Amino acid sequence: MCSERLRTGERGDDTITAVLIISILMVAALTVFQLVAVFLGRAIALEAARDGADRARIPPADVTGAAQQAAGYARNATGTWLSNVDANGRSDGNVVRVTVNAEVASFVPFLTVRISQTAAAPIERIQP
């Protein structure tokens, strides 16, 4: 009699539905957190690149020091959620460009997001 009741009823359907809905909501929430982290990381990387470009635009243009300053800014501003921070600078004599590359902390399993931001500024010319 007990086995007949288990076969004909819908016992367990609510549990399975709840597990599926909660799983979908968790994935959606983690995706939103990931998007926020990417946009925030891009904003901080751009600000770090601008900071480095501002340093390098004053003669003599020191692109190595500017890249180090940009990478330090990105590391200090974000703590550990931006990793593998790397910055490089280059100049053609008129314009200096600083690029900051980093990897954003992942909230979604098996996802790696790399960001890159570049800032450019003209080198100052002091004229009498």
N, C-alpha and C. Protein backbone atom coordinates (compact mmCIF):
# COMPACT_ATOMS: atom_id res chain seq x y z
N MET A 1 0.80 -1.18 0.00
CA MET A 1 0.00 0.00 0.00
C MET A 1 0.86 1.26 0.00
N CYS A 2 1.92 1.22 0.73
CA CYS A 2 2.81 2.37 0.79
C CYS A 2 3.52 2.60 -0.55
N SER A 3 3.89 1.50 -1.22
CA SER A 3 4.55 1.65 -2.50
C SER A 3 3.62 2.18 -3.57
N GLU A 4 2.32 1.84 -3.48
CA GLU A 4 1.35 2.38 -4.43
C GLU A 4 1.21 3.89 -4.28
N ARG A 5 1.23 4.34 -3.04
CA ARG A 5 1.09 5.77 -2.78
C ARG A 5 2.29 6.55 -3.34
N LEU A 6 3.47 6.00 -3.26
CA LEU A 6 4.66 6.68 -3.77
C LEU A 6 4.64 6.76 -5.29
N ARG A 7 4.15 5.73 -5.95
CA ARG A 7 4.13 5.72 -7.40
C ARG A 7 3.10 6.69 -7.97
N THR A 8 1.99 6.80 -7.37
CA THR A 8 0.92 7.61 -7.94
C THR A 8 1.00 9.08 -7.53
N GLY A 9 1.68 9.42 -6.48
CA GLY A 9 1.75 10.81 -6.00
C GLY A 9 2.82 11.61 -6.73
N GLU A 10 2.86 12.87 -6.41
CA GLU A 10 3.87 13.75 -6.99
C GLU A 10 4.88 14.17 -5.94
N ARG A 11 5.21 13.25 -5.10
CA ARG A 11 6.12 13.52 -4.00
C ARG A 11 7.51 13.84 -4.52
N GLY A 12 8.10 14.95 -4.08
CA GLY A 12 9.45 15.32 -4.50
C GLY A 12 9.49 16.33 -5.62
N ASP A 13 8.39 16.57 -6.29
CA ASP A 13 8.38 17.53 -7.40
C ASP A 13 8.71 18.94 -6.92
N ASP A 14 8.19 19.32 -5.78
CA ASP A 14 8.46 20.66 -5.26
C ASP A 14 9.93 20.84 -4.91
N THR A 15 10.53 19.80 -4.38
CA THR A 15 11.95 19.88 -4.04
C THR A 15 12.81 20.05 -5.28
N ILE A 16 12.54 19.28 -6.30
CA ILE A 16 13.31 19.38 -7.54
C ILE A 16 13.12 20.76 -8.18
N THR A 17 11.90 21.25 -8.18
CA THR A 17 11.62 22.58 -8.73
C THR A 17 12.37 23.65 -7.95
N ALA A 18 12.36 23.55 -6.63
CA ALA A 18 13.07 24.53 -5.80
C ALA A 18 14.57 24.50 -6.06
N VAL A 19 15.14 23.32 -6.19
CA VAL A 19 16.58 23.20 -6.47
C VAL A 19 16.92 23.83 -7.82
N LEU A 20 16.10 23.59 -8.82
CA LEU A 20 16.35 24.17 -10.14
C LEU A 20 16.23 25.69 -10.12
N ILE A 21 15.20 26.20 -9.46
CA ILE A 21 15.00 27.66 -9.41
C ILE A 21 16.13 28.32 -8.64
N ILE A 22 16.51 27.76 -7.51
CA ILE A 22 17.60 28.34 -6.71
C ILE A 22 18.91 28.30 -7.48
N SER A 23 19.16 27.21 -8.20
CA SER A 23 20.39 27.12 -9.01
C SER A 23 20.42 28.19 -10.09
N ILE A 24 19.31 28.39 -10.76
CA ILE A 24 19.24 29.40 -11.81
C ILE A 24 19.43 30.79 -11.22
N LEU A 25 18.81 31.06 -10.07
CA LEU A 25 18.97 32.36 -9.42
C LEU A 25 20.42 32.60 -8.97
N MET A 26 21.07 31.56 -8.48
CA MET A 26 22.48 31.70 -8.06
C MET A 26 23.38 32.00 -9.25
N VAL A 27 23.18 31.32 -10.34
CA VAL A 27 23.99 31.58 -11.54
C VAL A 27 23.73 33.00 -12.05
N ALA A 28 22.48 33.44 -12.02
CA ALA A 28 22.16 34.81 -12.45
C ALA A 28 22.82 35.83 -11.53
N ALA A 29 22.78 35.61 -10.23
CA ALA A 29 23.41 36.54 -9.28
C ALA A 29 24.92 36.58 -9.48
N LEU A 30 25.55 35.43 -9.65
CA LEU A 30 27.00 35.39 -9.87
C LEU A 30 27.37 36.08 -11.18
N THR A 31 26.53 35.94 -12.19
CA THR A 31 26.79 36.62 -13.46
C THR A 31 26.71 38.13 -13.30
N VAL A 32 25.75 38.61 -12.53
CA VAL A 32 25.65 40.05 -12.27
C VAL A 32 26.88 40.53 -11.51
N PHE A 33 27.30 39.79 -10.48
CA PHE A 33 28.51 40.16 -9.74
C PHE A 33 29.72 40.20 -10.66
N GLN A 34 29.81 39.24 -11.57
CA GLN A 34 30.93 39.19 -12.51
C GLN A 34 30.93 40.42 -13.41
N LEU A 35 29.78 40.80 -13.93
CA LEU A 35 29.69 41.98 -14.78
C LEU A 35 30.08 43.24 -14.03
N VAL A 36 29.64 43.36 -12.79
CA VAL A 36 30.02 44.52 -11.97
C VAL A 36 31.53 44.54 -11.77
N ALA A 37 32.12 43.40 -11.47
CA ALA A 37 33.58 43.33 -11.26
C ALA A 37 34.33 43.71 -12.53
N VAL A 38 33.85 43.28 -13.69
CA VAL A 38 34.51 43.61 -14.95
C VAL A 38 34.43 45.12 -15.22
N PHE A 39 33.25 45.70 -15.06
CA PHE A 39 33.11 47.13 -15.32
C PHE A 39 33.92 47.96 -14.33
N LEU A 40 33.92 47.56 -13.06
CA LEU A 40 34.71 48.28 -12.07
C LEU A 40 36.20 48.11 -12.34
N GLY A 41 36.61 46.91 -12.71
CA GLY A 41 38.02 46.67 -13.05
C GLY A 41 38.47 47.49 -14.25
N ARG A 42 37.60 47.59 -15.25
CA ARG A 42 37.94 48.42 -16.42
C ARG A 42 38.08 49.88 -16.05
N ALA A 43 37.21 50.36 -15.18
CA ALA A 43 37.28 51.77 -14.76
C ALA A 43 38.56 52.04 -13.98
N ILE A 44 38.94 51.13 -13.10
CA ILE A 44 40.15 51.32 -12.32
C ILE A 44 41.38 51.18 -13.20
N ALA A 45 41.38 50.24 -14.13
CA ALA A 45 42.52 50.09 -15.05
C ALA A 45 42.68 51.34 -15.92
N LEU A 46 41.57 51.93 -16.37
CA LEU A 46 41.65 53.17 -17.15
C LEU A 46 42.19 54.31 -16.31
N GLU A 47 41.74 54.42 -15.07
CA GLU A 47 42.25 55.49 -14.20
C GLU A 47 43.74 55.29 -13.91
N ALA A 48 44.17 54.05 -13.75
CA ALA A 48 45.59 53.76 -13.54
C ALA A 48 46.40 54.14 -14.78
N ALA A 49 45.88 53.82 -15.96
CA ALA A 49 46.58 54.17 -17.20
C ALA A 49 46.66 55.69 -17.36
N ARG A 50 45.59 56.39 -17.02
CA ARG A 50 45.61 57.86 -17.08
C ARG A 50 46.62 58.44 -16.10
N ASP A 51 46.69 57.86 -14.91
CA ASP A 51 47.66 58.31 -13.92
C ASP A 51 49.09 58.14 -14.43
N GLY A 52 49.35 57.00 -15.05
CA GLY A 52 50.68 56.76 -15.62
C GLY A 52 50.97 57.70 -16.78
N ALA A 53 49.98 57.94 -17.63
CA ALA A 53 50.18 58.84 -18.77
C ALA A 53 50.43 60.27 -18.29
N ASP A 54 49.75 60.69 -17.24
CA ASP A 54 49.98 62.04 -16.69
C ASP A 54 51.41 62.18 -16.18
N ARG A 55 51.94 61.11 -15.59
CA ARG A 55 53.31 61.18 -15.09
C ARG A 55 54.30 61.24 -16.25
N ALA A 56 54.04 60.49 -17.31
CA ALA A 56 55.00 60.40 -18.41
C ALA A 56 54.95 61.60 -19.34
N ARG A 57 53.93 62.41 -19.28
CA ARG A 57 53.82 63.52 -20.22
C ARG A 57 54.70 64.70 -19.86
N ILE A 58 55.26 64.71 -18.65
CA ILE A 58 56.14 65.80 -18.24
C ILE A 58 57.56 65.44 -18.62
N PRO A 59 58.25 66.32 -19.37
CA PRO A 59 59.61 66.01 -19.81
C PRO A 59 60.57 65.85 -18.63
N PRO A 60 61.52 64.96 -18.73
CA PRO A 60 61.71 63.95 -19.77
C PRO A 60 60.72 62.81 -19.60
N ALA A 61 60.15 62.36 -20.67
CA ALA A 61 59.11 61.33 -20.64
C ALA A 61 59.70 60.00 -20.19
N ASP A 62 59.30 59.55 -19.01
CA ASP A 62 59.78 58.29 -18.43
C ASP A 62 58.66 57.26 -18.51
N VAL A 63 58.62 56.51 -19.62
CA VAL A 63 57.53 55.55 -19.81
C VAL A 63 57.65 54.35 -18.89
N THR A 64 58.86 53.98 -18.51
CA THR A 64 59.04 52.85 -17.58
C THR A 64 58.49 53.20 -16.21
N GLY A 65 58.84 54.39 -15.72
CA GLY A 65 58.32 54.84 -14.43
C GLY A 65 56.82 55.02 -14.46
N ALA A 66 56.29 55.48 -15.60
CA ALA A 66 54.85 55.66 -15.74
C ALA A 66 54.14 54.31 -15.68
N ALA A 67 54.70 53.29 -16.33
CA ALA A 67 54.10 51.96 -16.31
C ALA A 67 54.12 51.38 -14.90
N GLN A 68 55.22 51.59 -14.19
CA GLN A 68 55.30 51.10 -12.81
C GLN A 68 54.28 51.81 -11.92
N GLN A 69 54.12 53.11 -12.10
CA GLN A 69 53.16 53.85 -11.31
C GLN A 69 51.73 53.39 -11.62
N ALA A 70 51.44 53.15 -12.88
CA ALA A 70 50.10 52.69 -13.27
C ALA A 70 49.80 51.31 -12.67
N ALA A 71 50.76 50.41 -12.75
CA ALA A 71 50.55 49.06 -12.19
C ALA A 71 50.39 49.14 -10.67
N GLY A 72 51.18 49.97 -10.01
CA GLY A 72 51.05 50.13 -8.57
C GLY A 72 49.70 50.71 -8.17
N TYR A 73 49.22 51.68 -8.94
CA TYR A 73 47.92 52.27 -8.68
C TYR A 73 46.82 51.21 -8.77
N ALA A 74 46.86 50.41 -9.83
CA ALA A 74 45.83 49.38 -10.01
C ALA A 74 45.89 48.34 -8.89
N ARG A 75 47.08 47.94 -8.47
CA ARG A 75 47.21 46.96 -7.40
C ARG A 75 46.70 47.52 -6.07
N ASN A 76 47.08 48.76 -5.77
CA ASN A 76 46.68 49.37 -4.49
C ASN A 76 45.19 49.67 -4.44
N ALA A 77 44.61 50.04 -5.55
CA ALA A 77 43.19 50.42 -5.57
C ALA A 77 42.26 49.21 -5.47
N THR A 78 42.72 48.05 -5.91
CA THR A 78 41.81 46.90 -5.99
C THR A 78 42.11 45.79 -5.00
N GLY A 79 43.25 45.78 -4.41
CA GLY A 79 43.58 44.68 -3.50
C GLY A 79 43.84 43.41 -4.29
N THR A 80 43.07 42.36 -4.01
CA THR A 80 43.34 41.07 -4.64
C THR A 80 42.37 40.71 -5.74
N TRP A 81 41.32 41.50 -5.99
CA TRP A 81 40.37 41.06 -7.00
C TRP A 81 40.77 41.43 -8.42
N LEU A 82 41.83 42.21 -8.58
CA LEU A 82 42.49 42.35 -9.89
C LEU A 82 43.85 41.68 -9.74
N SER A 83 44.10 40.65 -10.51
CA SER A 83 45.37 39.93 -10.40
C SER A 83 46.13 40.01 -11.72
N ASN A 84 47.38 39.59 -11.66
CA ASN A 84 48.27 39.61 -12.83
C ASN A 84 48.26 40.99 -13.49
N VAL A 85 48.36 42.03 -12.65
CA VAL A 85 48.37 43.39 -13.17
C VAL A 85 49.70 43.64 -13.86
N ASP A 86 49.60 44.15 -15.07
CA ASP A 86 50.78 44.40 -15.89
C ASP A 86 50.55 45.72 -16.62
N ALA A 87 51.56 46.54 -16.66
CA ALA A 87 51.42 47.82 -17.37
C ALA A 87 52.67 48.04 -18.22
N ASN A 88 52.47 48.68 -19.35
CA ASN A 88 53.60 49.06 -20.19
C ASN A 88 53.32 50.43 -20.80
N GLY A 89 54.40 51.11 -21.11
CA GLY A 89 54.28 52.44 -21.69
C GLY A 89 55.16 52.55 -22.92
N ARG A 90 54.76 53.43 -23.82
CA ARG A 90 55.56 53.69 -25.03
C ARG A 90 55.32 55.13 -25.46
N SER A 91 56.28 55.62 -26.20
CA SER A 91 56.19 57.01 -26.65
C SER A 91 56.79 57.12 -28.04
N ASP A 92 56.19 57.98 -28.84
CA ASP A 92 56.74 58.25 -30.17
C ASP A 92 57.43 59.62 -30.22
N GLY A 93 57.62 60.24 -29.07
CA GLY A 93 58.26 61.55 -29.01
C GLY A 93 57.25 62.68 -28.88
N ASN A 94 56.03 62.46 -29.33
CA ASN A 94 54.98 63.47 -29.21
C ASN A 94 53.87 63.04 -28.26
N VAL A 95 53.56 61.77 -28.29
CA VAL A 95 52.46 61.24 -27.47
C VAL A 95 52.99 60.05 -26.67
N VAL A 96 52.54 59.97 -25.42
CA VAL A 96 52.88 58.82 -24.58
C VAL A 96 51.61 58.00 -24.38
N ARG A 97 51.76 56.66 -24.44
CA ARG A 97 50.64 55.76 -24.24
C ARG A 97 50.99 54.77 -23.12
N VAL A 98 50.06 54.61 -22.20
CA VAL A 98 50.25 53.65 -21.10
C VAL A 98 49.08 52.67 -21.16
N THR A 99 49.40 51.37 -21.15
CA THR A 99 48.40 50.31 -21.20
C THR A 99 48.47 49.49 -19.92
N VAL A 100 47.32 49.27 -19.31
CA VAL A 100 47.22 48.44 -18.11
C VAL A 100 46.41 47.19 -18.46
N ASN A 101 46.99 46.03 -18.18
CA ASN A 101 46.33 44.74 -18.40
C ASN A 101 46.16 44.07 -17.04
N ALA A 102 45.05 43.37 -16.84
CA ALA A 102 44.82 42.67 -15.58
C ALA A 102 43.81 41.56 -15.80
N GLU A 103 43.70 40.73 -14.78
CA GLU A 103 42.73 39.64 -14.79
C GLU A 103 41.75 39.89 -13.63
N VAL A 104 40.47 39.86 -13.92
CA VAL A 104 39.44 40.13 -12.93
C VAL A 104 39.12 38.85 -12.16
N ALA A 105 38.89 39.00 -10.86
CA ALA A 105 38.48 37.85 -10.04
C ALA A 105 37.22 37.24 -10.63
N SER A 106 37.16 35.92 -10.62
CA SER A 106 36.05 35.23 -11.25
C SER A 106 35.02 34.77 -10.21
N PHE A 107 33.78 35.17 -10.42
CA PHE A 107 32.67 34.70 -9.60
C PHE A 107 31.96 33.54 -10.27
N VAL A 108 32.12 33.42 -11.58
CA VAL A 108 31.51 32.34 -12.34
C VAL A 108 32.57 31.26 -12.55
N PRO A 109 32.29 30.03 -12.17
CA PRO A 109 33.29 28.97 -12.31
C PRO A 109 33.80 28.81 -13.74
N PHE A 110 35.08 28.56 -13.87
CA PHE A 110 35.76 28.29 -15.13
C PHE A 110 35.77 29.50 -16.08
N LEU A 111 35.59 30.68 -15.56
CA LEU A 111 35.60 31.88 -16.39
C LEU A 111 36.79 32.74 -16.01
N THR A 112 37.58 33.12 -17.01
CA THR A 112 38.70 34.03 -16.81
C THR A 112 38.47 35.24 -17.69
N VAL A 113 38.48 36.42 -17.06
CA VAL A 113 38.24 37.66 -17.80
C VAL A 113 39.48 38.53 -17.70
N ARG A 114 40.07 38.84 -18.86
CA ARG A 114 41.22 39.76 -18.91
C ARG A 114 40.72 41.10 -19.41
N ILE A 115 41.22 42.15 -18.80
CA ILE A 115 40.86 43.50 -19.22
C ILE A 115 42.12 44.24 -19.64
N SER A 116 41.94 45.21 -20.49
CA SER A 116 43.05 46.04 -20.97
C SER A 116 42.51 47.44 -21.24
N GLN A 117 43.21 48.42 -20.70
CA GLN A 117 42.82 49.81 -20.92
C GLN A 117 44.07 50.61 -21.27
N THR A 118 43.92 51.54 -22.20
CA THR A 118 45.03 52.38 -22.66
C THR A 118 44.65 53.84 -22.53
N ALA A 119 45.61 54.62 -22.07
CA ALA A 119 45.43 56.07 -22.01
C ALA A 119 46.59 56.73 -22.76
N ALA A 120 46.29 57.79 -23.47
CA ALA A 120 47.31 58.52 -24.23
C ALA A 120 47.28 59.99 -23.83
N ALA A 121 48.44 60.61 -23.86
CA ALA A 121 48.53 62.04 -23.53
C ALA A 121 49.69 62.64 -24.31
N PRO A 122 49.54 63.90 -24.75
CA PRO A 122 50.66 64.54 -25.44
C PRO A 122 51.76 64.90 -24.45
N ILE A 123 52.99 64.83 -24.91
CA ILE A 123 54.12 65.21 -24.07
C ILE A 123 54.18 66.74 -24.03
N GLU A 124 54.32 67.27 -22.83
CA GLU A 124 54.35 68.72 -22.64
C GLU A 124 55.57 69.32 -23.34
N ARG A 125 55.37 70.46 -23.94
CA ARG A 125 56.45 71.22 -24.57
C ARG A 125 56.54 72.55 -23.87
N ILE A 126 57.65 72.79 -23.24
CA ILE A 126 57.83 74.08 -22.54
C ILE A 126 58.49 75.03 -23.52
N GLN A 127 57.80 76.12 -23.79
CA GLN A 127 58.32 77.11 -24.73
C GLN A 127 58.51 78.44 -24.01
N PRO A 128 59.60 79.14 -24.35
CA PRO A 128 59.85 80.42 -23.69
C PRO A 128 58.88 81.50 -24.15
